[in-house]
Amino acid sequence: MHDGEVIRAEALGKTYAEGKLHTPVFDGLELSVHAGETVAILGVSGAGKSTLLHLLGGLDTPTAGEVFVAGQKMSALSDAHRGQLRNRALGFVYQFHHLLPEFTALENVMLPVLLGGTAVPDAEQRARALLESVGLGHRLEHKPGELSGGERQRAAVARALVNAPACVLGDEPTGNLDEKTAATVFELMLELNRAKRTSLVLVTHDRRLARRLDRVLELHQGKLRELRTDEV
């Protein structure tokens, strides 16, 4: 890892084996994400964008190569330590919010902090402040089923940021929203990225959103290529 890097992928390979059939997704993929940087990853459906995000987040293991998060080699950690590092250093936002339906917005956002061992009053204070900053101060006691799609996604963004992670990994986080709501959630993510100096790696098919980020990479035939401004 070099100074200022929050995530690094070195010679990353992933192959899915089904019987005698071996399907390579990447081979020798390289990626470096620096502190506070925003990176978009584009690619056609089936190119392996979600797989790459899962590998970067330690949710899946590569067939070859290494992923480093906050200077730590993921493959060298036990499952428990990998889980702790993920909870502390990374935040995740998916196309579907993945909020727990039986918990309120406040409880959902408190969960990652409680898992990190923080006392309930402190966890509640942090979750409340973040939900207020994403415009959900009036929705703290509402369960996901009582929130609109945009509100659920804003709560999911708050949950991803509550532990002040080094990097947020987003998998089409606005893909399930109408255009206006998507734009609002995206602006919010950029605003929080700037305010908290959290890096952002965003898998998206929306080139207009991608253009707003510091770097745009395209995943094509298992390799990442940086796109020039006029190519996006």
C-alpha atoms as a PDB file:
ATOM      1  CA  MET A   1       0.000   0.000   0.000  1.00  0.00           C
ATOM      2  CA  HIS A   2       1.175   3.535  -0.763  1.00  0.00           C
ATOM      3  CA  ASP A   3       0.466   6.537   1.439  1.00  0.00           C
ATOM      4  CA  GLY A   4      -3.072   7.828   1.130  1.00  0.00           C
ATOM      5  CA  GLU A   5      -4.442   4.613  -0.416  1.00  0.00           C
ATOM      6  CA  VAL A   6      -7.584   3.224   1.163  1.00  0.00           C
ATOM      7  CA  ILE A   7      -8.101   0.279  -1.212  1.00  0.00           C
ATOM      8  CA  ARG A   8      -5.657  -1.475  -3.494  1.00  0.00           C
ATOM      9  CA  ALA A   9      -6.205  -4.457  -5.756  1.00  0.00           C
ATOM     10  CA  GLU A  10      -3.070  -6.182  -7.038  1.00  0.00           C
ATOM     11  CA  ALA A  11      -3.064  -8.685  -9.924  1.00  0.00           C
ATOM     12  CA  LEU A  12      -6.652  -9.560  -9.038  1.00  0.00           C
ATOM     13  CA  GLY A  13      -8.140 -12.638 -10.654  1.00  0.00           C
ATOM     14  CA  LYS A  14     -11.535 -14.284 -10.271  1.00  0.00           C
ATOM     15  CA  THR A  15     -12.677 -17.453 -12.000  1.00  0.00           C
ATOM     16  CA  TYR A  16     -15.966 -19.226 -11.432  1.00  0.00           C
ATOM     17  CA  ALA A  17     -15.805 -22.995 -11.791  1.00  0.00           C
ATOM     18  CA  GLU A  18     -18.899 -25.050 -12.574  1.00  0.00           C
ATOM     19  CA  GLY A  19     -18.012 -28.676 -13.179  1.00  0.00           C
ATOM     20  CA  LYS A  20     -15.367 -28.648 -15.888  1.00  0.00           C
ATOM     21  CA  LEU A  21     -16.349 -25.191 -17.066  1.00  0.00           C
ATOM     22  CA  HIS A  22     -14.110 -22.362 -15.849  1.00  0.00           C
ATOM     23  CA  THR A  23     -15.288 -18.822 -16.472  1.00  0.00           C
ATOM     24  CA  PRO A  24     -12.685 -16.111 -15.800  1.00  0.00           C
ATOM     25  CA  VAL A  25     -14.157 -12.744 -14.769  1.00  0.00           C
ATOM     26  CA  PHE A  26     -10.863 -10.871 -14.256  1.00  0.00           C
ATOM     27  CA  ASP A  27      -7.248 -11.574 -14.821  1.00  0.00           C
ATOM     28  CA  GLY A  28      -4.465  -9.382 -13.458  1.00  0.00           C
ATOM     29  CA  LEU A  29      -6.773  -6.497 -12.575  1.00  0.00           C
ATOM     30  CA  GLU A  30      -5.156  -3.494 -10.833  1.00  0.00           C
ATOM     31  CA  LEU A  31      -6.906  -0.709  -8.919  1.00  0.00           C
ATOM     32  CA  SER A  32      -5.877   1.912  -6.408  1.00  0.00           C
ATOM     33  CA  VAL A  33      -8.301   4.226  -4.576  1.00  0.00           C
ATOM     34  CA  HIS A  34      -6.925   7.180  -2.620  1.00  0.00           C
ATOM     35  CA  ALA A  35      -8.321   8.928   0.438  1.00  0.00           C
ATOM     36  CA  GLY A  36     -11.193  11.264  -0.409  1.00  0.00           C
ATOM     37  CA  GLU A  37     -11.217  10.194  -4.081  1.00  0.00           C
ATOM     38  CA  THR A  38     -14.410   9.418  -6.019  1.00  0.00           C
ATOM     39  CA  VAL A  39     -14.244   6.686  -8.669  1.00  0.00           C
ATOM     40  CA  ALA A  40     -16.945   5.463 -11.074  1.00  0.00           C
ATOM     41  CA  ILE A  41     -16.818   1.982 -12.586  1.00  0.00           C
ATOM     42  CA  LEU A  42     -18.740   1.536 -15.822  1.00  0.00           C
ATOM     43  CA  GLY A  43     -19.217  -1.628 -17.868  1.00  0.00           C
ATOM     44  CA  VAL A  44     -21.834  -3.619 -19.728  1.00  0.00           C
ATOM     45  CA  SER A  45     -24.143  -5.946 -17.848  1.00  0.00           C
ATOM     46  CA  GLY A  46     -22.275  -9.132 -16.925  1.00  0.00           C
ATOM     47  CA  ALA A  47     -18.823  -7.490 -17.103  1.00  0.00           C
ATOM     48  CA  GLY A  48     -18.257  -8.308 -13.430  1.00  0.00           C
ATOM     49  CA  LYS A  49     -18.745  -4.881 -11.808  1.00  0.00           C
ATOM     50  CA  SER A  50     -20.652  -6.243  -8.788  1.00  0.00           C
ATOM     51  CA  THR A  51     -18.159  -9.117  -8.431  1.00  0.00           C
ATOM     52  CA  LEU A  52     -15.315  -6.586  -8.348  1.00  0.00           C
ATOM     53  CA  LEU A  53     -17.089  -4.554  -5.665  1.00  0.00           C
ATOM     54  CA  HIS A  54     -17.631  -7.705  -3.572  1.00  0.00           C
ATOM     55  CA  LEU A  55     -13.924  -8.554  -3.841  1.00  0.00           C
ATOM     56  CA  LEU A  56     -12.886  -5.014  -2.862  1.00  0.00           C
ATOM     57  CA  GLY A  57     -15.235  -5.180   0.113  1.00  0.00           C
ATOM     58  CA  GLY A  58     -14.040  -8.580   1.294  1.00  0.00           C
ATOM     59  CA  LEU A  59     -17.464 -10.125   0.703  1.00  0.00           C
ATOM     60  CA  ASP A  60     -15.928 -12.560  -1.774  1.00  0.00           C
ATOM     61  CA  THR A  61     -12.391 -13.947  -2.148  1.00  0.00           C
ATOM     62  CA  PRO A  62     -10.294 -13.628  -5.310  1.00  0.00           C
ATOM     63  CA  THR A  63      -8.939 -16.658  -7.155  1.00  0.00           C
ATOM     64  CA  ALA A  64      -5.625 -14.828  -7.595  1.00  0.00           C
ATOM     65  CA  GLY A  65      -4.014 -11.598  -6.392  1.00  0.00           C
ATOM     66  CA  GLU A  66      -4.632  -9.541  -3.285  1.00  0.00           C
ATOM     67  CA  VAL A  67      -6.948  -6.845  -1.941  1.00  0.00           C
ATOM     68  CA  PHE A  68      -5.650  -4.420   0.682  1.00  0.00           C
ATOM     69  CA  VAL A  69      -8.092  -2.324   2.737  1.00  0.00           C
ATOM     70  CA  ALA A  70      -6.722   0.433   4.983  1.00  0.00           C
ATOM     71  CA  GLY A  71      -3.270  -1.134   4.615  1.00  0.00           C
ATOM     72  CA  GLN A  72      -4.360  -4.627   5.637  1.00  0.00           C
ATOM     73  CA  LYS A  73      -4.132  -7.661   3.370  1.00  0.00           C
ATOM     74  CA  MET A  74      -7.629  -9.157   3.381  1.00  0.00           C
ATOM     75  CA  SER A  75      -6.460 -12.721   2.690  1.00  0.00           C
ATOM     76  CA  ALA A  76      -4.237 -12.669   5.795  1.00  0.00           C
ATOM     77  CA  LEU A  77      -7.167 -11.933   8.138  1.00  0.00           C
ATOM     78  CA  SER A  78      -9.454 -14.411   9.865  1.00  0.00           C
ATOM     79  CA  ASP A  79     -13.159 -14.195   8.987  1.00  0.00           C
ATOM     80  CA  ALA A  80     -13.801 -12.388  12.276  1.00  0.00           C
ATOM     81  CA  HIS A  81     -11.046  -9.813  11.697  1.00  0.00           C
ATOM     82  CA  ARG A  82     -12.142  -9.317   8.093  1.00  0.00           C
ATOM     83  CA  GLY A  83     -15.664  -8.623   9.340  1.00  0.00           C
ATOM     84  CA  GLN A  84     -14.359  -6.097  11.889  1.00  0.00           C
ATOM     85  CA  LEU A  85     -12.243  -4.318   9.272  1.00  0.00           C
ATOM     86  CA  ARG A  86     -15.194  -4.233   6.878  1.00  0.00           C
ATOM     87  CA  ASN A  87     -17.438  -2.730   9.548  1.00  0.00           C
ATOM     88  CA  ARG A  88     -14.860  -0.120  10.540  1.00  0.00           C
ATOM     89  CA  ALA A  89     -13.251   0.877   7.229  1.00  0.00           C
ATOM     90  CA  LEU A  90     -15.978   0.313   4.609  1.00  0.00           C
ATOM     91  CA  GLY A  91     -19.566   1.326   4.003  1.00  0.00           C
ATOM     92  CA  PHE A  92     -21.866  -0.367   1.490  1.00  0.00           C
ATOM     93  CA  VAL A  93     -24.843   0.992  -0.451  1.00  0.00           C
ATOM     94  CA  TYR A  94     -26.706  -1.311  -2.824  1.00  0.00           C
ATOM     95  CA  GLN A  95     -29.416  -0.842  -5.442  1.00  0.00           C
ATOM     96  CA  PHE A  96     -31.869  -2.272  -2.918  1.00  0.00           C
ATOM     97  CA  HIS A  97     -31.582  -0.662   0.497  1.00  0.00           C
ATOM     98  CA  HIS A  98     -31.192  -3.896   2.562  1.00  0.00           C
ATOM     99  CA  LEU A  99     -32.597  -2.173   5.648  1.00  0.00           C
ATOM    100  CA  LEU A 100     -33.987  -4.580   8.235  1.00  0.00           C
ATOM    101  CA  PRO A 101     -37.789  -4.289   7.993  1.00  0.00           C
ATOM    102  CA  GLU A 102     -38.495  -4.859  11.699  1.00  0.00           C
ATOM    103  CA  PHE A 103     -36.244  -1.981  12.836  1.00  0.00           C
ATOM    104  CA  THR A 104     -36.814   1.766  12.654  1.00  0.00           C
ATOM    105  CA  ALA A 105     -34.606   4.025  10.505  1.00  0.00           C
ATOM    106  CA  LEU A 106     -32.741   5.057  13.660  1.00  0.00           C
ATOM    107  CA  GLU A 107     -32.163   1.454  14.777  1.00  0.00           C
ATOM    108  CA  ASN A 108     -31.008   0.424  11.277  1.00  0.00           C
ATOM    109  CA  VAL A 109     -28.384   3.185  11.220  1.00  0.00           C
ATOM    110  CA  MET A 110     -27.285   2.435  14.804  1.00  0.00           C
ATOM    111  CA  LEU A 111     -26.566  -1.252  14.039  1.00  0.00           C
ATOM    112  CA  PRO A 112     -23.060  -0.919  12.485  1.00  0.00           C
ATOM    113  CA  VAL A 113     -21.977   1.297  15.405  1.00  0.00           C
ATOM    114  CA  LEU A 114     -23.309  -1.156  17.986  1.00  0.00           C
ATOM    115  CA  LEU A 115     -21.542  -4.018  16.182  1.00  0.00           C
ATOM    116  CA  GLY A 116     -18.317  -2.037  16.563  1.00  0.00           C
ATOM    117  CA  GLY A 117     -18.785  -2.081  20.350  1.00  0.00           C
ATOM    118  CA  THR A 118     -20.033   1.489  20.895  1.00  0.00           C
ATOM    119  CA  ALA A 119     -22.429   2.089  23.795  1.00  0.00           C
ATOM    120  CA  VAL A 120     -26.113   2.586  22.899  1.00  0.00           C
ATOM    121  CA  PRO A 121     -26.384   6.315  23.840  1.00  0.00           C
ATOM    122  CA  ASP A 122     -23.334   7.206  21.699  1.00  0.00           C
ATOM    123  CA  ALA A 123     -24.539   5.031  18.817  1.00  0.00           C
ATOM    124  CA  GLU A 124     -27.949   6.677  18.960  1.00  0.00           C
ATOM    125  CA  GLN A 125     -26.434  10.159  18.998  1.00  0.00           C
ATOM    126  CA  ARG A 126     -24.300   9.441  15.925  1.00  0.00           C
ATOM    127  CA  ALA A 127     -27.136   7.769  14.010  1.00  0.00           C
ATOM    128  CA  ARG A 128     -29.563  10.583  14.848  1.00  0.00           C
ATOM    129  CA  ALA A 129     -27.115  13.291  13.705  1.00  0.00           C
ATOM    130  CA  LEU A 130     -26.449  11.513  10.416  1.00  0.00           C
ATOM    131  CA  LEU A 131     -30.133  10.874   9.687  1.00  0.00           C
ATOM    132  CA  GLU A 132     -30.808  14.555  10.324  1.00  0.00           C
ATOM    133  CA  SER A 133     -28.009  15.482   7.908  1.00  0.00           C
ATOM    134  CA  VAL A 134     -29.641  13.366   5.159  1.00  0.00           C
ATOM    135  CA  GLY A 135     -33.012  15.027   5.777  1.00  0.00           C
ATOM    136  CA  LEU A 136     -34.641  12.207   7.765  1.00  0.00           C
ATOM    137  CA  GLY A 137     -34.770  13.831  11.192  1.00  0.00           C
ATOM    138  CA  HIS A 138     -38.583  13.576  11.078  1.00  0.00           C
ATOM    139  CA  ARG A 139     -38.502   9.886  10.106  1.00  0.00           C
ATOM    140  CA  LEU A 140     -36.327   8.392  12.870  1.00  0.00           C
ATOM    141  CA  GLU A 141     -39.029   6.127  14.297  1.00  0.00           C
ATOM    142  CA  HIS A 142     -40.403   4.991  10.942  1.00  0.00           C
ATOM    143  CA  LYS A 143     -39.736   1.470   9.696  1.00  0.00           C
ATOM    144  CA  PRO A 144     -38.559   0.925   6.089  1.00  0.00           C
ATOM    145  CA  GLY A 145     -42.066  -0.061   4.976  1.00  0.00           C
ATOM    146  CA  GLU A 146     -43.292   3.399   6.051  1.00  0.00           C
ATOM    147  CA  LEU A 147     -40.631   5.264   4.050  1.00  0.00           C
ATOM    148  CA  SER A 148     -40.587   6.203   0.365  1.00  0.00           C
ATOM    149  CA  GLY A 149     -37.962   4.652  -1.948  1.00  0.00           C
ATOM    150  CA  GLY A 150     -35.816   7.784  -1.794  1.00  0.00           C
ATOM    151  CA  GLU A 151     -36.074   7.954   2.000  1.00  0.00           C
ATOM    152  CA  ARG A 152     -35.073   4.291   2.332  1.00  0.00           C
ATOM    153  CA  GLN A 153     -32.030   4.882   0.139  1.00  0.00           C
ATOM    154  CA  ARG A 154     -31.044   7.987   2.139  1.00  0.00           C
ATOM    155  CA  ALA A 155     -31.279   5.902   5.320  1.00  0.00           C
ATOM    156  CA  ALA A 156     -29.055   3.280   3.633  1.00  0.00           C
ATOM    157  CA  VAL A 157     -26.503   6.014   2.796  1.00  0.00           C
ATOM    158  CA  ALA A 158     -26.579   7.173   6.436  1.00  0.00           C
ATOM    159  CA  ARG A 159     -26.020   3.589   7.594  1.00  0.00           C
ATOM    160  CA  ALA A 160     -23.041   3.236   5.203  1.00  0.00           C
ATOM    161  CA  LEU A 161     -21.444   6.389   6.623  1.00  0.00           C
ATOM    162  CA  VAL A 162     -22.226   6.049  10.326  1.00  0.00           C
ATOM    163  CA  ASN A 163     -18.861   4.475  11.199  1.00  0.00           C
ATOM    164  CA  ALA A 164     -16.997   7.218   9.268  1.00  0.00           C
ATOM    165  CA  PRO A 165     -15.503   4.604   6.900  1.00  0.00           C
ATOM    166  CA  ALA A 166     -12.410   5.217   4.774  1.00  0.00           C
ATOM    167  CA  CYS A 167     -14.382   4.210   1.673  1.00  0.00           C
ATOM    168  CA  VAL A 168     -18.005   3.703   0.613  1.00  0.00           C
ATOM    169  CA  LEU A 169     -18.675   1.063  -2.052  1.00  0.00           C
ATOM    170  CA  GLY A 170     -21.884   1.693  -3.991  1.00  0.00           C
ATOM    171  CA  ASP A 171     -23.467  -0.881  -6.333  1.00  0.00           C
ATOM    172  CA  GLU A 172     -25.945   1.029  -8.532  1.00  0.00           C
ATOM    173  CA  PRO A 173     -27.181   2.852  -5.396  1.00  0.00           C
ATOM    174  CA  THR A 174     -29.558   5.043  -7.411  1.00  0.00           C
ATOM    175  CA  GLY A 175     -30.522   2.411 -10.017  1.00  0.00           C
ATOM    176  CA  ASN A 176     -33.870   1.647  -8.423  1.00  0.00           C
ATOM    177  CA  LEU A 177     -35.033   5.268  -8.097  1.00  0.00           C
ATOM    178  CA  ASP A 178     -36.760   7.674 -10.468  1.00  0.00           C
ATOM    179  CA  GLU A 179     -34.517  10.278 -12.107  1.00  0.00           C
ATOM    180  CA  LYS A 180     -35.248  13.147  -9.718  1.00  0.00           C
ATOM    181  CA  THR A 181     -34.860  11.055  -6.538  1.00  0.00           C
ATOM    182  CA  ALA A 182     -31.717   9.412  -7.974  1.00  0.00           C
ATOM    183  CA  ALA A 183     -30.177  12.850  -8.544  1.00  0.00           C
ATOM    184  CA  THR A 184     -30.989  13.886  -4.941  1.00  0.00           C
ATOM    185  CA  VAL A 185     -29.452  10.737  -3.423  1.00  0.00           C
ATOM    186  CA  PHE A 186     -26.376  11.057  -5.665  1.00  0.00           C
ATOM    187  CA  GLU A 187     -25.848  14.723  -4.677  1.00  0.00           C
ATOM    188  CA  LEU A 188     -26.143  13.693  -1.053  1.00  0.00           C
ATOM    189  CA  MET A 189     -23.460  11.023  -1.461  1.00  0.00           C
ATOM    190  CA  LEU A 190     -21.092  13.548  -3.086  1.00  0.00           C
ATOM    191  CA  GLU A 191     -21.807  16.125  -0.386  1.00  0.00           C
ATOM    192  CA  LEU A 192     -21.067  13.632   2.398  1.00  0.00           C
ATOM    193  CA  ASN A 193     -17.951  12.442   0.537  1.00  0.00           C
ATOM    194  CA  ARG A 194     -16.609  16.013   0.560  1.00  0.00           C
ATOM    195  CA  ALA A 195     -17.659  16.776   4.134  1.00  0.00           C
ATOM    196  CA  LYS A 196     -16.247  13.557   5.617  1.00  0.00           C
ATOM    197  CA  ARG A 197     -13.319  12.951   3.206  1.00  0.00           C
ATOM    198  CA  THR A 198     -14.662   9.451   2.593  1.00  0.00           C
ATOM    199  CA  SER A 199     -13.611   7.803  -0.674  1.00  0.00           C
ATOM    200  CA  LEU A 200     -16.386   6.631  -2.948  1.00  0.00           C
ATOM    201  CA  VAL A 201     -16.294   3.774  -5.467  1.00  0.00           C
ATOM    202  CA  LEU A 202     -19.505   3.690  -7.454  1.00  0.00           C
ATOM    203  CA  VAL A 203     -20.608   0.995  -9.881  1.00  0.00           C
ATOM    204  CA  THR A 204     -23.108   2.628 -12.216  1.00  0.00           C
ATOM    205  CA  HIS A 205     -24.451   2.436 -15.756  1.00  0.00           C
ATOM    206  CA  ASP A 206     -25.377   6.133 -15.653  1.00  0.00           C
ATOM    207  CA  ARG A 207     -22.680   8.041 -17.526  1.00  0.00           C
ATOM    208  CA  ARG A 208     -24.061  11.419 -16.474  1.00  0.00           C
ATOM    209  CA  LEU A 209     -23.503  10.511 -12.827  1.00  0.00           C
ATOM    210  CA  ALA A 210     -20.106   8.967 -13.620  1.00  0.00           C
ATOM    211  CA  ARG A 211     -18.902  12.233 -15.195  1.00  0.00           C
ATOM    212  CA  ARG A 212     -19.299  13.978 -11.859  1.00  0.00           C
ATOM    213  CA  LEU A 213     -16.687  11.785 -10.158  1.00  0.00           C
ATOM    214  CA  ASP A 214     -12.907  12.296 -10.079  1.00  0.00           C
ATOM    215  CA  ARG A 215     -12.107   9.257 -12.226  1.00  0.00           C
ATOM    216  CA  VAL A 216     -14.128   7.018 -14.517  1.00  0.00           C
ATOM    217  CA  LEU A 217     -12.948   3.453 -15.151  1.00  0.00           C
ATOM    218  CA  GLU A 218     -14.457   0.975 -17.569  1.00  0.00           C
ATOM    219  CA  LEU A 219     -14.433  -2.747 -16.821  1.00  0.00           C
ATOM    220  CA  HIS A 220     -14.025  -4.544 -20.139  1.00  0.00           C
ATOM    221  CA  GLN A 221     -12.910  -8.145 -20.713  1.00  0.00           C
ATOM    222  CA  GLY A 222     -11.541  -8.446 -17.189  1.00  0.00           C
ATOM    223  CA  LYS A 223      -9.441  -5.270 -17.243  1.00  0.00           C
ATOM    224  CA  LEU A 224     -10.007  -1.746 -15.932  1.00  0.00           C
ATOM    225  CA  ARG A 225      -9.278   1.137 -18.278  1.00  0.00           C
ATOM    226  CA  GLU A 226      -9.363   4.792 -17.294  1.00  0.00           C
ATOM    227  CA  LEU A 227     -11.620   6.788 -19.595  1.00  0.00           C
ATOM    228  CA  ARG A 228     -10.817  10.266 -20.850  1.00  0.00           C
ATOM    229  CA  THR A 229     -13.439  12.960 -20.247  1.00  0.00           C
ATOM    230  CA  ASP A 230     -14.572  12.846 -23.894  1.00  0.00           C
ATOM    231  CA  GLU A 231     -15.110   9.059 -23.695  1.00  0.00           C
ATOM    232  CA  VAL A 232     -17.561   9.129 -20.800  1.00  0.00           C
END
